[in-house]
Structure formats: structure tokens, C-alpha cells
Amino acid sequence: MDAVFGSSLPVFIGLTLLVFGGCGYLTGQALAEGWKPVGMVFAYSLMMGLGDRFLVFALFGGPLLHLPGFVVHAAAILGITWVSYRMALAHRMVSQYPWLYERSGPFDWREKIGARIAG
């Protein structure tokens, strides 16, 4: 397990999922509320992955330059950030434009029937 994560499982759960995952959750919401493009989710997740890798090294003695560990940690952070971004964006679209859109799931919205503007 250490060969894949580059750290122990408790460190992955505690630091990556709880601490950086929480940061990713808040980052995704902030990006969606500010109407930022989805590319920003990837950029910020990559930076949080670098910070996570450094703290695994500095606090828990894990290897600093461990590509598989970085990929796994950054992918977990990216997943949490992207889910948060899509949920917040769907909520924003439906609440800001209730006459045009309705929810079609936790991550998506659809145009209301009959809401098309004649043009």
C-alpha cells in the first residue's frame, strides 16, 4: 500500500482526504460561485496535490518525489474538488435562473420545458 500511496493509509485518509479534501471541497464551491471555468479546478487541484505531497514528506517522512503517490493523492483531491464544483454550479444555475432551468440530478441541470425564448 505504501508503494502506491507514498504514505501510509492513515496519512492518506487524514491528510489527503480530510484536510486537503476539505480544502478542495471549499475551493470547488468558491470557483463555481465565482463563475470560474472548470480548468481552474484542475489547476488548483494540482497545486493542492503538490502541497499535500510536501506535507506528507515534511510531517510523516514520506518520499518527496514519488510520482505514483502524487498522482493518487492529486487525483483524490481533484475528484473531491470537481464534485463540489459541479454540485455548486448546478445549484447556482437553478437558483439564479429558476425560470429557465431545473435540476436533473446532483451535478446537472436542464432547460425547463416551454422556457425557450422566441427569437
Protein backbone atom coordinates (compact mmCIF):
# COMPACT_ATOMS: atom_id res chain seq x y z
CA MET A 1 0.00 0.00 0.00
CA ASP A 2 2.85 2.40 0.78
CA ALA A 3 4.30 1.84 -2.69
CA VAL A 4 1.13 3.17 -4.32
CA PHE A 5 0.23 5.98 -1.90
CA GLY A 6 3.76 7.03 -1.00
CA SER A 7 2.47 7.16 2.58
CA SER A 8 0.54 5.02 4.99
CA LEU A 9 -3.22 4.59 4.67
CA PRO A 10 -4.00 6.67 7.81
CA VAL A 11 -1.89 9.54 6.43
CA PHE A 12 -3.72 9.32 3.10
CA ILE A 13 -7.11 9.33 4.80
CA GLY A 14 -6.27 12.02 7.37
CA LEU A 15 -4.14 14.44 5.41
CA THR A 16 -5.24 13.92 1.82
CA LEU A 17 -8.93 13.10 2.13
CA LEU A 18 -9.87 15.06 5.24
CA VAL A 19 -7.57 18.10 5.22
CA PHE A 20 -6.86 18.63 1.52
CA GLY A 21 -10.18 17.12 0.50
CA GLY A 22 -11.90 19.70 2.71
CA CYS A 23 -9.84 22.42 1.07
CA GLY A 24 -10.78 21.02 -2.33
CA TYR A 25 -14.46 20.97 -1.39
CA LEU A 26 -14.36 24.64 -0.41
CA THR A 27 -12.26 25.52 -3.46
CA GLY A 28 -14.77 23.87 -5.80
CA GLN A 29 -17.63 25.79 -4.23
CA ALA A 30 -15.74 29.09 -4.44
CA LEU A 31 -14.83 28.55 -8.09
CA ALA A 32 -18.42 27.72 -9.02
CA GLU A 33 -19.82 30.68 -7.10
CA GLY A 34 -17.38 32.96 -8.93
CA TRP A 35 -18.32 31.51 -12.36
CA LYS A 36 -14.74 30.37 -12.95
CA PRO A 37 -14.03 27.90 -15.77
CA VAL A 38 -13.59 24.21 -14.98
CA GLY A 39 -9.90 24.42 -15.92
CA MET A 40 -9.31 26.29 -12.69
CA VAL A 41 -10.46 23.19 -10.80
CA PHE A 42 -7.60 21.22 -12.36
CA ALA A 43 -5.04 23.96 -11.71
CA TYR A 44 -5.95 24.39 -8.05
CA SER A 45 -6.16 20.64 -7.51
CA LEU A 46 -2.67 20.23 -8.92
CA MET A 47 -1.34 22.89 -6.55
CA MET A 48 -3.09 21.28 -3.59
CA GLY A 49 -1.59 17.93 -4.65
CA LEU A 50 1.88 19.49 -4.52
CA GLY A 51 1.17 20.89 -1.07
CA ASP A 52 -0.14 17.53 0.09
CA ARG A 53 2.95 15.73 -1.21
CA PHE A 54 5.19 18.22 0.61
CA LEU A 55 3.34 17.80 3.91
CA VAL A 56 3.49 14.00 3.61
CA PHE A 57 7.25 14.41 3.23
CA ALA A 58 7.75 17.06 5.92
CA LEU A 59 5.42 15.73 8.61
CA PHE A 60 5.36 11.98 8.07
CA GLY A 61 8.69 11.16 6.41
CA GLY A 62 7.24 10.03 3.09
CA PRO A 63 9.24 10.38 -0.11
CA LEU A 64 9.02 13.85 -1.63
CA LEU A 65 9.48 12.87 -5.27
CA HIS A 66 7.12 9.91 -5.55
CA LEU A 67 5.18 10.12 -8.80
CA PRO A 68 2.63 7.34 -8.16
CA GLY A 69 1.87 8.80 -4.72
CA PHE A 70 1.48 12.28 -6.15
CA VAL A 71 -0.85 11.03 -8.89
CA VAL A 72 -3.06 9.13 -6.44
CA HIS A 73 -3.23 12.00 -3.93
CA ALA A 74 -3.81 14.65 -6.60
CA ALA A 75 -6.50 12.51 -8.27
CA ALA A 76 -8.34 12.13 -4.96
CA ILE A 77 -8.19 15.89 -4.36
CA LEU A 78 -9.26 16.57 -7.96
CA GLY A 79 -12.23 14.24 -7.61
CA ILE A 80 -13.46 15.95 -4.46
CA THR A 81 -12.91 19.42 -5.94
CA TRP A 82 -14.67 18.57 -9.21
CA VAL A 83 -17.69 17.03 -7.46
CA SER A 84 -18.00 20.10 -5.25
CA TYR A 85 -17.65 22.41 -8.27
CA ARG A 86 -20.37 20.63 -10.28
CA MET A 87 -22.78 20.46 -7.35
CA ALA A 88 -22.32 24.16 -6.57
CA LEU A 89 -22.60 25.15 -10.25
CA ALA A 90 -25.81 23.16 -10.68
CA HIS A 91 -27.24 24.78 -7.55
CA ARG A 92 -26.20 28.21 -8.78
CA MET A 93 -27.75 27.78 -12.23
CA VAL A 94 -31.06 26.54 -10.84
CA SER A 95 -31.31 29.13 -8.08
CA GLN A 96 -30.17 32.10 -10.18
CA TYR A 97 -32.26 31.23 -13.25
CA PRO A 98 -35.32 29.38 -11.87
CA TRP A 99 -37.49 30.33 -14.85
CA LEU A 100 -35.04 28.72 -17.30
CA TYR A 101 -33.52 25.70 -15.57
CA GLU A 102 -34.45 22.85 -13.27
CA ARG A 103 -32.33 20.21 -11.59
CA SER A 104 -31.79 16.97 -13.43
CA GLY A 105 -29.51 15.40 -10.83
CA PRO A 106 -26.98 16.42 -8.24
CA PHE A 107 -24.43 17.54 -10.85
CA ASP A 108 -26.54 18.80 -13.73
CA TRP A 109 -29.48 20.95 -14.76
CA ARG A 110 -31.74 21.07 -17.80
CA GLU A 111 -33.80 23.64 -19.58
CA LYS A 112 -37.40 23.81 -18.43
CA ILE A 113 -39.97 22.76 -20.96
CA GLY A 114 -41.50 25.82 -22.56
CA ALA A 115 -38.78 28.10 -21.23
CA ARG A 116 -37.18 28.70 -24.63
CA ILE A 117 -37.24 32.36 -25.56
CA ALA A 118 -38.64 33.06 -29.00
CA GLY A 119 -36.11 34.73 -31.21
